[in-house]
Amino acid sequence: MLTRLEIQGFKNLLDLQVDFGPFTCIAGANGVGKSNVFDAIELLSHLASDPLVEASQRVRGTRGGDPRDLFWDGYRDHQRQISLAAEMIVPDEVEDDLGAPALPTTTFLRYEVVLGYAVPEGESSVGRLTLLREELRHINRGDAPKHLRFPHSPKHFRNAVVQGQRRGGAYLSTEQRDNGTIINVHGDGGSRGKPLPRAAGRAGRTVLSTITTNDYPTILAARREMQSWHRLALEPSALRAPDGFTDPRTLGVDGRHLAATLYRIANESIAADPEAVYAQVADRLSDLAGVSVESLRVEPDQIREVFTLFLRERNGLQLPARALSEGTLRFLALCVLLEDPTFTGLICMEEPENGIHPANLQAIVRLVEDLAVDPQEAPGPDNPFRQVIINTHAPGVVQLCKEDDLLLAETRPRRTDEGTVTDALSLLPYQRSWRAVSQPLTFSKADVVAYLAGPPGANLRIPGEMAG
């Protein structure tokens, strides 16, 4: 769970600090940079798995793999740096790359990484990212209330997810030596034992991404947590693609393997009741106005070795998933995720209302809210440890979200290190929300009138006697 994100020098995020709860909605006009927040989260996730070159190329908006696109004002002739910091709650048990269990010493951590830019060495080459600094430190249980500001149950939630204690220093630390920058890897035993030094200049990737065994369980847990941060972009073509018996049975970030995933949830869990699972998904899907759902099921074709998802309407007509509308398919995919206790981590979603009829806005907003963990209860199979962040520019979505869950995205003047004034993204919490305690700038309802009132010049309006 990503509880706080700090970004400096990334795209138009000049100096951004934001606290996250289980569910967050970022609202703002097109083009202000809402998606850049998701890009920064995605970059951190890629840095936990990939070399620096590949991580930079996988981020949205890099033209031809040029990493300068990631930096604030990256094409000017000055030193470039991106600083990212993430405070996170990590799983209390993970598996290493060999399948062995790893138990972290502490589960509340702060990770920091600073990236630089190395100019190209030849005329036909492009520059590359360099690792300048990397730190991983623990947050003590006694300090957890100051960091977990969102409303939650200390007894049931916080005590369940914030575990362990550490007396020593960092798990990853950076020092400058005569021969360059060194990233030190420290064991879970704290000060006992010598740290393992890694030369940052020759790494080509973050040191965290190189931890693959349970020799360093807490670093590995941080890596696994960051790898679980997904950007969900459900594509109709992927949702309609057939699933073979040998295909993965986990929903892809594009929606692929929908039928295989639902079949696995319904049939392969020890306590699963297939009919109950199908009925649960069908019942949630029936929240969509205009969709007549009698039943839902996945049928395996033993001859062709494929799974097919069928929806039966109340009039008796049976439709395969490929015949459903785009909006229905996207909603169905989220209904399936809701029933999958194995799908955990952070889910970022761009404009989940796309393809959804205005009459169904409430259904989609309630669904994405329900995907997030309930912070009043301990995480578990019935309360998967999931976090959801969405962005939107739709007034209907803003009106349906709770005030505590809203962040207003807008560009504001900022003074750069060079002394110039420029526009950068700010995320403002509602003035009476839990985030407002630590943020000097907030928004009031007067600042979001455009989201709360009808559009100027509207010809069709609800008559006054009906509106009351």
Protein backbone atom coordinates (compact mmCIF):
# COMPACT_ATOMS: atom_id res chain seq x y z
CA MET A 1 0.00 0.00 0.00
CA LEU A 2 1.42 3.34 -1.11
CA THR A 3 0.71 5.78 1.74
CA ARG A 4 2.80 8.77 0.61
CA LEU A 5 4.49 9.83 -2.61
CA GLU A 6 7.05 12.63 -3.04
CA ILE A 7 8.21 13.66 -6.51
CA GLN A 8 10.74 16.24 -7.64
CA GLY A 9 11.79 16.99 -11.19
CA PHE A 10 9.59 14.45 -13.00
CA LYS A 11 7.71 15.83 -16.04
CA ASN A 12 5.57 18.71 -14.70
CA LEU A 13 5.82 17.47 -11.11
CA LEU A 14 8.35 19.97 -9.88
CA ASP A 15 7.81 19.43 -6.14
CA LEU A 16 4.83 17.28 -5.22
CA GLN A 17 3.94 15.56 -1.94
CA VAL A 18 0.71 13.60 -1.59
CA ASP A 19 -0.74 11.22 0.99
CA PHE A 20 -2.90 8.33 -0.16
CA GLY A 21 -5.59 6.32 1.56
CA PRO A 22 -7.29 3.12 0.41
CA PHE A 23 -9.24 5.02 -2.28
CA THR A 24 -8.30 8.31 -3.95
CA CYS A 25 -9.86 10.24 -6.82
CA ILE A 26 -7.69 12.85 -8.58
CA ALA A 27 -9.93 15.33 -10.43
CA GLY A 28 -8.75 17.95 -12.86
CA ALA A 29 -8.99 19.36 -16.35
CA ASN A 30 -7.45 17.69 -19.37
CA GLY A 31 -3.77 18.41 -19.81
CA VAL A 32 -2.90 19.53 -16.26
CA GLY A 33 -0.75 16.45 -15.62
CA LYS A 34 -3.00 14.05 -13.67
CA SER A 35 -1.59 11.11 -15.61
CA ASN A 36 1.96 12.13 -14.73
CA VAL A 37 1.28 11.02 -11.14
CA PHE A 38 0.45 7.57 -12.48
CA ASP A 39 3.58 7.71 -14.64
CA ALA A 40 5.73 8.34 -11.57
CA ILE A 41 4.13 5.41 -9.72
CA GLU A 42 4.60 3.24 -12.80
CA LEU A 43 8.27 4.26 -13.06
CA LEU A 44 8.85 3.20 -9.46
CA SER A 45 7.22 -0.15 -10.21
CA HIS A 46 9.40 -0.67 -13.28
CA LEU A 47 12.53 0.32 -11.35
CA ALA A 48 11.80 -2.58 -9.00
CA SER A 49 12.10 -5.06 -11.88
CA ASP A 50 13.86 -3.66 -14.91
CA PRO A 51 17.19 -2.08 -15.81
CA LEU A 52 17.14 1.72 -15.82
CA VAL A 53 17.06 1.88 -19.62
CA GLU A 54 14.05 -0.40 -19.94
CA ALA A 55 12.23 1.23 -17.03
CA SER A 56 12.51 4.66 -18.67
CA GLN A 57 11.34 3.32 -22.04
CA ARG A 58 8.22 1.73 -20.54
CA VAL A 59 6.89 5.00 -19.15
CA ARG A 60 4.21 6.76 -21.20
CA GLY A 61 5.42 9.65 -23.30
CA THR A 62 9.10 8.84 -23.88
CA ARG A 63 9.73 9.50 -27.56
CA GLY A 64 11.98 6.89 -29.06
CA GLY A 65 13.21 5.93 -25.62
CA ASP A 66 14.74 9.35 -24.89
CA PRO A 67 14.89 9.57 -21.07
CA ARG A 68 15.03 13.37 -21.17
CA ASP A 69 11.25 13.25 -21.65
CA LEU A 70 10.97 12.14 -18.02
CA PHE A 71 12.83 15.12 -16.57
CA TRP A 72 11.52 18.52 -15.68
CA ASP A 73 12.73 20.81 -18.49
CA GLY A 74 14.96 17.94 -19.57
CA TYR A 75 16.11 19.42 -22.88
CA ARG A 76 17.90 22.41 -21.40
CA ASP A 77 21.63 22.29 -20.80
CA HIS A 78 21.67 21.83 -17.03
CA GLN A 79 22.09 19.02 -14.54
CA ARG A 80 19.00 16.83 -14.47
CA GLN A 81 17.69 14.88 -11.50
CA ILE A 82 14.50 13.04 -10.60
CA SER A 83 13.87 12.38 -6.92
CA LEU A 84 11.18 9.89 -5.94
CA ALA A 85 10.20 8.82 -2.41
CA ALA A 86 7.50 6.34 -1.46
CA GLU A 87 6.24 5.37 1.97
CA MET A 88 4.57 1.98 1.82
CA ILE A 89 3.15 -0.91 3.79
CA VAL A 90 4.63 -4.16 2.46
CA PRO A 91 3.33 -7.74 2.80
CA ASP A 92 4.32 -9.61 5.96
CA GLU A 93 5.35 -12.60 3.85
CA VAL A 94 6.55 -12.86 0.25
CA GLU A 95 8.25 -15.45 -1.93
CA ASP A 96 11.68 -15.05 -3.46
CA ASP A 97 12.47 -15.95 -7.07
CA LEU A 98 13.10 -19.56 -6.04
CA GLY A 99 9.75 -19.92 -4.28
CA ALA A 100 11.18 -19.77 -0.74
CA PRO A 101 9.28 -17.70 1.85
CA ALA A 102 10.72 -14.40 3.07
CA LEU A 103 9.55 -12.70 6.27
CA PRO A 104 10.44 -8.99 6.48
CA THR A 105 11.67 -7.57 9.78
CA THR A 106 9.39 -4.54 9.46
CA THR A 107 6.43 -3.85 7.14
CA PHE A 108 6.27 -0.03 7.09
CA LEU A 109 9.05 1.38 4.92
CA ARG A 110 10.26 4.48 3.11
CA TYR A 111 12.08 4.09 -0.20
CA GLU A 112 13.98 6.92 -1.89
CA VAL A 113 15.73 6.96 -5.24
CA VAL A 114 17.45 9.77 -7.15
CA LEU A 115 18.08 9.41 -10.88
CA GLY A 116 20.34 11.48 -13.07
CA TYR A 117 20.96 11.78 -16.79
CA ALA A 118 24.15 10.80 -18.61
CA VAL A 119 24.65 12.52 -21.96
CA PRO A 120 25.10 10.32 -25.05
CA GLU A 121 28.60 9.16 -25.79
CA GLY A 122 28.23 9.22 -29.58
CA GLU A 123 26.37 11.28 -32.14
CA SER A 124 23.93 8.48 -33.00
CA SER A 125 23.14 7.42 -29.42
CA VAL A 126 20.78 8.75 -26.75
CA GLY A 127 21.51 9.48 -23.13
CA ARG A 128 20.57 7.20 -20.27
CA LEU A 129 19.36 7.24 -16.70
CA THR A 130 21.94 6.89 -13.92
CA LEU A 131 21.49 5.88 -10.30
CA LEU A 132 22.66 8.67 -7.95
CA ARG A 133 21.15 7.65 -4.62
CA GLU A 134 19.04 4.86 -3.12
CA GLU A 135 17.73 4.45 0.41
CA LEU A 136 15.33 2.06 2.15
CA ARG A 137 14.49 2.74 5.79
CA HIS A 138 11.91 1.52 8.28
CA ILE A 139 9.13 3.49 9.95
CA ASN A 140 8.69 2.42 13.56
CA ARG A 141 5.31 1.23 14.81
CA GLY A 142 5.29 4.07 17.32
CA ASP A 143 5.55 6.58 14.47
CA ALA A 144 2.92 4.89 12.31
CA PRO A 145 -0.01 7.10 13.47
CA LYS A 146 1.82 10.19 12.18
CA HIS A 147 2.23 8.58 8.75
CA LEU A 148 -1.10 6.78 8.38
CA ARG A 149 -3.34 9.82 8.48
CA PHE A 150 -6.40 8.41 6.72
CA PRO A 151 -9.28 7.24 8.95
CA HIS A 152 -8.70 3.63 10.01
CA SER A 153 -9.05 1.24 12.90
CA PRO A 154 -5.80 1.13 14.94
CA LYS A 155 -6.85 -2.14 16.54
CA HIS A 156 -8.07 -4.04 13.50
CA PHE A 157 -6.25 -2.44 10.54
CA ARG A 158 -3.05 -0.74 11.70
CA ASN A 159 -1.99 -3.44 14.12
CA ALA A 160 -2.53 -6.03 11.39
CA VAL A 161 -0.50 -4.32 8.65
CA VAL A 162 2.25 -2.47 10.59
CA GLN A 163 4.38 -5.17 12.12
CA GLY A 164 7.91 -5.74 13.33
CA GLN A 165 10.56 -3.56 14.90
CA ARG A 166 14.12 -2.63 13.92
CA ARG A 167 16.87 -1.19 16.06
CA GLY A 168 19.47 -0.78 13.34
CA GLY A 169 19.76 1.69 10.49
CA ALA A 170 18.78 1.56 6.83
CA TYR A 171 18.27 -1.52 4.70
CA LEU A 172 19.76 0.39 1.74
CA SER A 173 22.02 3.39 2.17
CA THR A 174 24.20 5.58 -0.04
CA GLU A 175 27.71 6.86 0.58
CA GLN A 176 30.23 8.78 -1.48
CA ARG A 177 33.69 7.28 -1.79
CA ASP A 178 36.77 8.29 -3.73
CA ASN A 179 35.89 5.78 -6.43
CA GLY A 180 32.29 6.95 -6.78
CA THR A 181 28.81 6.45 -5.33
CA ILE A 182 28.26 3.25 -3.35
CA ILE A 183 24.89 1.72 -2.42
CA ASN A 184 25.22 -0.39 0.71
CA VAL A 185 22.93 -3.39 1.25
CA HIS A 186 22.35 -4.03 4.96
CA GLY A 187 21.02 -7.25 6.41
CA ASP A 188 17.87 -7.54 8.50
CA GLY A 189 20.04 -8.08 11.56
CA GLY A 190 20.79 -4.37 11.68
CA SER A 191 24.31 -3.34 12.62
CA ARG A 192 25.54 -6.93 12.84
CA GLY A 193 27.55 -7.99 9.81
CA LYS A 194 29.22 -5.90 7.16
CA PRO A 195 27.08 -4.24 4.48
CA LEU A 196 27.37 -5.41 0.91
CA PRO A 197 28.59 -2.48 -1.24
CA ARG A 198 27.35 -2.01 -4.81
CA ALA A 199 28.84 0.56 -7.19
CA ALA A 200 25.97 2.78 -8.38
CA GLY A 201 27.77 3.91 -11.52
CA ARG A 202 28.11 0.37 -12.86
CA ALA A 203 24.75 -0.92 -11.63
CA GLY A 204 22.58 -0.09 -14.63
CA ARG A 205 19.56 -0.68 -12.39
CA THR A 206 18.40 -0.02 -8.85
CA VAL A 207 19.99 -2.19 -6.19
CA LEU A 208 16.52 -3.03 -4.87
CA SER A 209 15.71 -4.70 -8.20
CA THR A 210 18.69 -7.07 -7.81
CA ILE A 211 17.41 -8.65 -4.58
CA THR A 212 15.93 -11.99 -5.65
CA THR A 213 16.41 -14.32 -2.66
CA ASN A 214 15.28 -14.33 0.96
CA ASP A 215 18.75 -13.37 2.23
CA TYR A 216 17.41 -9.80 2.47
CA PRO A 217 13.70 -10.36 3.21
CA THR A 218 12.70 -6.76 3.95
CA ILE A 219 14.28 -5.38 0.77
CA LEU A 220 12.63 -8.21 -1.15
CA ALA A 221 9.25 -7.37 0.42
CA ALA A 222 9.63 -3.74 -0.69
CA ARG A 223 10.46 -4.93 -4.18
CA ARG A 224 7.41 -7.22 -4.28
CA GLU A 225 5.17 -4.42 -3.05
CA MET A 226 6.37 -2.03 -5.77
CA GLN A 227 5.96 -4.75 -8.38
CA SER A 228 2.29 -5.01 -7.36
CA TRP A 229 1.55 -1.42 -8.41
CA HIS A 230 -0.51 -1.75 -11.60
CA ARG A 231 -1.91 0.68 -14.12
CA LEU A 232 -5.18 -0.88 -15.19
CA ALA A 233 -6.10 0.00 -18.78
CA LEU A 234 -8.93 -2.31 -19.81
CA GLU A 235 -9.03 -2.73 -23.59
CA PRO A 236 -12.12 -4.19 -25.32
CA SER A 237 -10.02 -6.27 -27.72
CA ALA A 238 -8.17 -7.87 -24.79
CA LEU A 239 -11.38 -8.42 -22.84
CA ARG A 240 -12.89 -10.20 -25.85
CA ALA A 241 -9.82 -12.33 -26.62
CA PRO A 242 -10.38 -16.10 -26.10
CA ASP A 243 -8.55 -17.90 -23.29
CA GLY A 244 -6.92 -21.28 -23.79
CA PHE A 245 -6.53 -23.84 -21.05
CA THR A 246 -2.80 -23.08 -20.86
CA ASP A 247 -3.20 -19.29 -20.61
CA PRO A 248 -2.63 -17.45 -17.32
CA ARG A 249 -5.64 -17.38 -15.02
CA THR A 250 -5.00 -13.92 -13.65
CA LEU A 251 -6.54 -10.80 -15.16
CA GLY A 252 -3.99 -8.79 -17.14
CA VAL A 253 -3.71 -5.02 -16.78
CA ASP A 254 -5.37 -4.72 -20.19
CA GLY A 255 -8.21 -7.08 -19.24
CA ARG A 256 -6.87 -10.16 -20.95
CA HIS A 257 -7.77 -13.58 -19.49
CA LEU A 258 -11.14 -12.45 -18.14
CA ALA A 259 -12.87 -15.80 -18.69
CA ALA A 260 -9.95 -17.87 -17.36
CA THR A 261 -9.70 -15.69 -14.27
CA LEU A 262 -13.38 -16.01 -13.42
CA TYR A 263 -13.24 -19.78 -13.97
CA ARG A 264 -10.29 -20.04 -11.57
CA ILE A 265 -12.02 -17.95 -8.89
CA ALA A 266 -15.20 -20.02 -9.18
CA ASN A 267 -13.64 -23.47 -9.32
CA GLU A 268 -10.11 -23.66 -8.00
CA SER A 269 -10.41 -22.13 -4.53
CA ILE A 270 -10.72 -24.69 -1.71
CA ALA A 271 -13.87 -23.13 -0.31
CA ALA A 272 -15.28 -21.92 -3.63
CA ASP A 273 -18.91 -22.53 -4.51
CA PRO A 274 -18.95 -22.02 -8.29
CA GLU A 275 -22.64 -21.14 -8.49
CA ALA A 276 -22.31 -18.68 -5.60
CA VAL A 277 -19.33 -16.95 -7.24
CA TYR A 278 -21.09 -16.65 -10.60
CA ALA A 279 -24.22 -15.36 -8.86
CA GLN A 280 -22.20 -12.76 -6.96
CA VAL A 281 -20.58 -11.42 -10.13
CA ALA A 282 -23.91 -11.47 -12.00
CA ASP A 283 -25.61 -9.61 -9.16
CA ARG A 284 -23.00 -6.86 -9.21
CA LEU A 285 -23.13 -6.65 -13.01
CA SER A 286 -26.90 -6.17 -12.79
CA ASP A 287 -26.22 -2.79 -11.11
CA LEU A 288 -25.75 -1.48 -14.64
CA ALA A 289 -28.96 0.06 -15.93
CA GLY A 290 -29.92 -1.41 -19.28
CA VAL A 291 -28.11 -4.71 -18.73
CA SER A 292 -30.54 -7.58 -18.16
CA VAL A 293 -28.62 -10.29 -16.29
CA GLU A 294 -30.22 -13.61 -15.43
CA SER A 295 -26.99 -15.55 -14.86
CA LEU A 296 -23.30 -15.66 -15.73
CA ARG A 297 -20.89 -18.55 -16.11
CA VAL A 298 -17.69 -19.72 -17.80
CA GLU A 299 -17.88 -22.91 -19.84
CA PRO A 300 -14.74 -24.88 -20.74
CA ASP A 301 -14.71 -26.34 -24.27
CA GLN A 302 -12.78 -29.60 -23.92
CA ILE A 303 -12.48 -30.06 -27.68
CA ARG A 304 -11.07 -26.62 -28.54
CA GLU A 305 -9.49 -26.25 -25.08
CA VAL A 306 -10.80 -22.73 -24.56
CA PHE A 307 -12.88 -20.95 -21.90
CA THR A 308 -15.95 -18.97 -22.97
CA LEU A 309 -17.78 -16.56 -20.71
CA PHE A 310 -21.55 -16.46 -21.27
CA LEU A 311 -24.14 -13.99 -20.02
CA ARG A 312 -27.77 -15.15 -20.02
CA GLU A 313 -30.35 -12.37 -20.17
CA ARG A 314 -33.72 -12.53 -18.43
CA ASN A 315 -35.41 -13.14 -21.78
CA GLY A 316 -33.42 -16.35 -22.16
CA LEU A 317 -30.92 -15.04 -24.75
CA GLN A 318 -27.36 -16.27 -24.09
CA LEU A 319 -24.50 -14.00 -25.19
CA PRO A 320 -20.75 -14.71 -25.24
CA ALA A 321 -18.46 -12.05 -23.78
CA ARG A 322 -17.34 -10.96 -27.25
CA ALA A 323 -20.93 -9.81 -27.97
CA LEU A 324 -21.13 -7.48 -24.95
CA SER A 325 -20.62 -3.72 -25.16
CA GLU A 326 -17.30 -2.13 -24.24
CA GLY A 327 -18.70 -0.48 -21.13
CA THR A 328 -20.32 -3.71 -19.95
CA LEU A 329 -17.06 -5.62 -20.45
CA ARG A 330 -15.03 -3.09 -18.47
CA PHE A 331 -17.56 -3.14 -15.65
CA LEU A 332 -17.60 -6.95 -15.72
CA ALA A 333 -13.80 -7.08 -15.44
CA LEU A 334 -13.93 -4.96 -12.28
CA CYS A 335 -16.69 -7.20 -10.88
CA VAL A 336 -14.39 -10.19 -11.40
CA LEU A 337 -11.48 -8.40 -9.70
CA LEU A 338 -13.75 -7.67 -6.75
CA GLU A 339 -14.19 -11.42 -6.22
CA ASP A 340 -10.49 -12.26 -6.61
CA PRO A 341 -8.72 -12.28 -3.21
CA THR A 342 -5.36 -12.98 -4.90
CA PHE A 343 -5.39 -9.68 -6.79
CA THR A 344 -3.81 -7.25 -4.32
CA GLY A 345 -1.60 -4.17 -4.45
CA LEU A 346 -2.16 -0.74 -5.97
CA ILE A 347 -4.51 -0.23 -8.92
CA CYS A 348 -4.28 3.02 -10.90
CA MET A 349 -7.16 3.68 -13.30
CA GLU A 350 -7.57 6.45 -15.84
CA GLU A 351 -11.14 7.75 -16.16
CA PRO A 352 -13.04 4.56 -15.20
CA GLU A 353 -16.25 6.23 -16.38
CA ASN A 354 -15.21 5.94 -20.05
CA GLY A 355 -17.75 3.93 -22.01
CA ILE A 356 -20.25 4.05 -19.13
CA HIS A 357 -23.71 5.57 -19.60
CA PRO A 358 -24.34 8.57 -17.28
CA ALA A 359 -27.12 6.59 -15.57
CA ASN A 360 -24.46 4.08 -14.49
CA LEU A 361 -21.94 6.53 -13.01
CA GLN A 362 -23.00 5.70 -9.47
CA ALA A 363 -22.57 1.99 -10.12
CA ILE A 364 -19.01 2.38 -11.47
CA VAL A 365 -17.92 4.76 -8.70
CA ARG A 366 -19.26 2.45 -5.99
CA LEU A 367 -17.55 -0.51 -7.66
CA VAL A 368 -14.08 1.06 -7.76
CA GLU A 369 -14.53 2.24 -4.17
CA ASP A 370 -15.46 -1.30 -3.09
CA LEU A 371 -12.31 -2.67 -4.75
CA ALA A 372 -10.23 -0.90 -2.09
CA VAL A 373 -9.51 -2.43 1.30
CA ASP A 374 -11.81 -1.50 4.19
CA PRO A 375 -9.48 0.28 6.68
CA GLN A 376 -11.83 -0.44 9.56
CA GLU A 377 -11.14 -4.17 9.30
CA ALA A 378 -8.03 -6.36 9.11
CA PRO A 379 -7.04 -7.35 5.54
CA GLY A 380 -7.76 -10.94 4.61
CA PRO A 381 -9.51 -13.12 2.02
CA ASP A 382 -12.79 -11.26 2.60
CA ASN A 383 -11.03 -7.87 2.68
CA PRO A 384 -8.18 -8.04 0.13
CA PHE A 385 -5.34 -5.59 0.73
CA ARG A 386 -6.02 -3.49 -2.37
CA GLN A 387 -5.61 0.22 -2.96
CA VAL A 388 -7.27 2.19 -5.76
CA ILE A 389 -6.34 5.56 -7.28
CA ILE A 390 -8.41 6.94 -10.15
CA ASN A 391 -8.29 10.17 -12.09
CA THR A 392 -11.16 11.91 -13.83
CA HIS A 393 -12.42 15.13 -15.31
CA ALA A 394 -16.09 14.08 -15.16
CA PRO A 395 -18.32 16.22 -12.89
CA GLY A 396 -20.56 13.22 -12.18
CA VAL A 397 -17.68 11.20 -10.75
CA VAL A 398 -16.52 14.12 -8.58
CA GLN A 399 -20.02 14.61 -7.19
CA LEU A 400 -20.30 10.92 -6.27
CA CYS A 401 -16.94 10.65 -4.48
CA LYS A 402 -16.60 11.34 -0.79
CA GLU A 403 -14.93 14.67 -0.02
CA ASP A 404 -12.19 12.92 1.98
CA ASP A 405 -11.20 10.90 -1.10
CA LEU A 406 -10.84 13.85 -3.51
CA LEU A 407 -7.71 15.63 -4.69
CA LEU A 408 -8.04 18.62 -7.00
CA ALA A 409 -5.37 18.70 -9.72
CA GLU A 410 -4.40 22.11 -11.03
CA THR A 411 -1.29 23.92 -12.19
CA ARG A 412 0.08 26.64 -9.94
CA PRO A 413 3.09 28.98 -10.20
CA ARG A 414 6.27 27.57 -8.68
CA ARG A 415 9.72 29.08 -8.34
CA THR A 416 12.49 26.87 -9.71
CA ASP A 417 16.00 26.49 -8.33
CA GLU A 418 17.17 28.86 -11.07
CA GLY A 419 14.84 31.56 -9.74
CA THR A 420 12.36 31.48 -12.60
CA VAL A 421 8.61 31.06 -12.11
CA THR A 422 6.83 28.27 -13.94
CA ASP A 423 3.60 26.25 -13.74
CA ALA A 424 3.67 22.87 -12.00
CA LEU A 425 1.06 20.39 -10.90
CA SER A 426 -0.44 20.67 -7.43
CA LEU A 427 -2.83 18.21 -5.78
CA LEU A 428 -5.09 19.99 -3.32
CA PRO A 429 -7.15 18.14 -0.69
CA TYR A 430 -10.58 19.25 0.45
CA GLN A 431 -10.23 21.83 3.23
CA ARG A 432 -11.99 19.68 5.86
CA SER A 433 -10.46 16.34 4.93
CA TRP A 434 -7.81 14.31 6.75
CA ARG A 435 -5.20 15.36 4.18
CA ALA A 436 -5.72 19.06 4.95
CA VAL A 437 -3.91 18.69 8.29
CA SER A 438 -0.52 18.38 6.57
CA GLN A 439 -1.17 20.42 3.42
CA PRO A 440 -0.91 24.24 3.38
CA LEU A 441 -3.06 24.53 0.23
CA THR A 442 -6.59 23.13 0.08
CA PHE A 443 -9.73 23.54 -1.99
CA SER A 444 -13.29 24.42 -1.00
CA LYS A 445 -16.56 23.75 -2.75
CA ALA A 446 -16.33 27.22 -4.27
CA ASP A 447 -13.18 26.07 -6.12
CA VAL A 448 -14.99 23.19 -7.82
CA VAL A 449 -18.21 24.89 -8.89
CA ALA A 450 -17.57 23.69 -12.45
CA TYR A 451 -17.90 20.10 -11.20
CA LEU A 452 -20.97 20.76 -9.08
CA ALA A 453 -23.14 22.84 -11.43
CA GLY A 454 -24.66 22.18 -14.82
CA PRO A 455 -22.65 23.30 -17.88
CA PRO A 456 -23.22 26.88 -19.06
CA GLY A 457 -25.71 27.12 -21.91
CA ALA A 458 -27.33 23.75 -21.19
CA ASN A 459 -30.66 23.48 -23.05
CA LEU A 460 -32.03 20.49 -21.16
CA ARG A 461 -32.40 20.84 -17.43
CA ILE A 462 -34.45 19.16 -14.72
CA PRO A 463 -37.47 21.38 -13.94
CA GLY A 464 -37.41 22.96 -10.50
CA GLU A 465 -40.36 20.95 -9.22
CA MET A 466 -38.66 17.69 -10.25
CA ALA A 467 -35.26 18.64 -8.86
CA GLY A 468 -36.74 19.08 -5.40
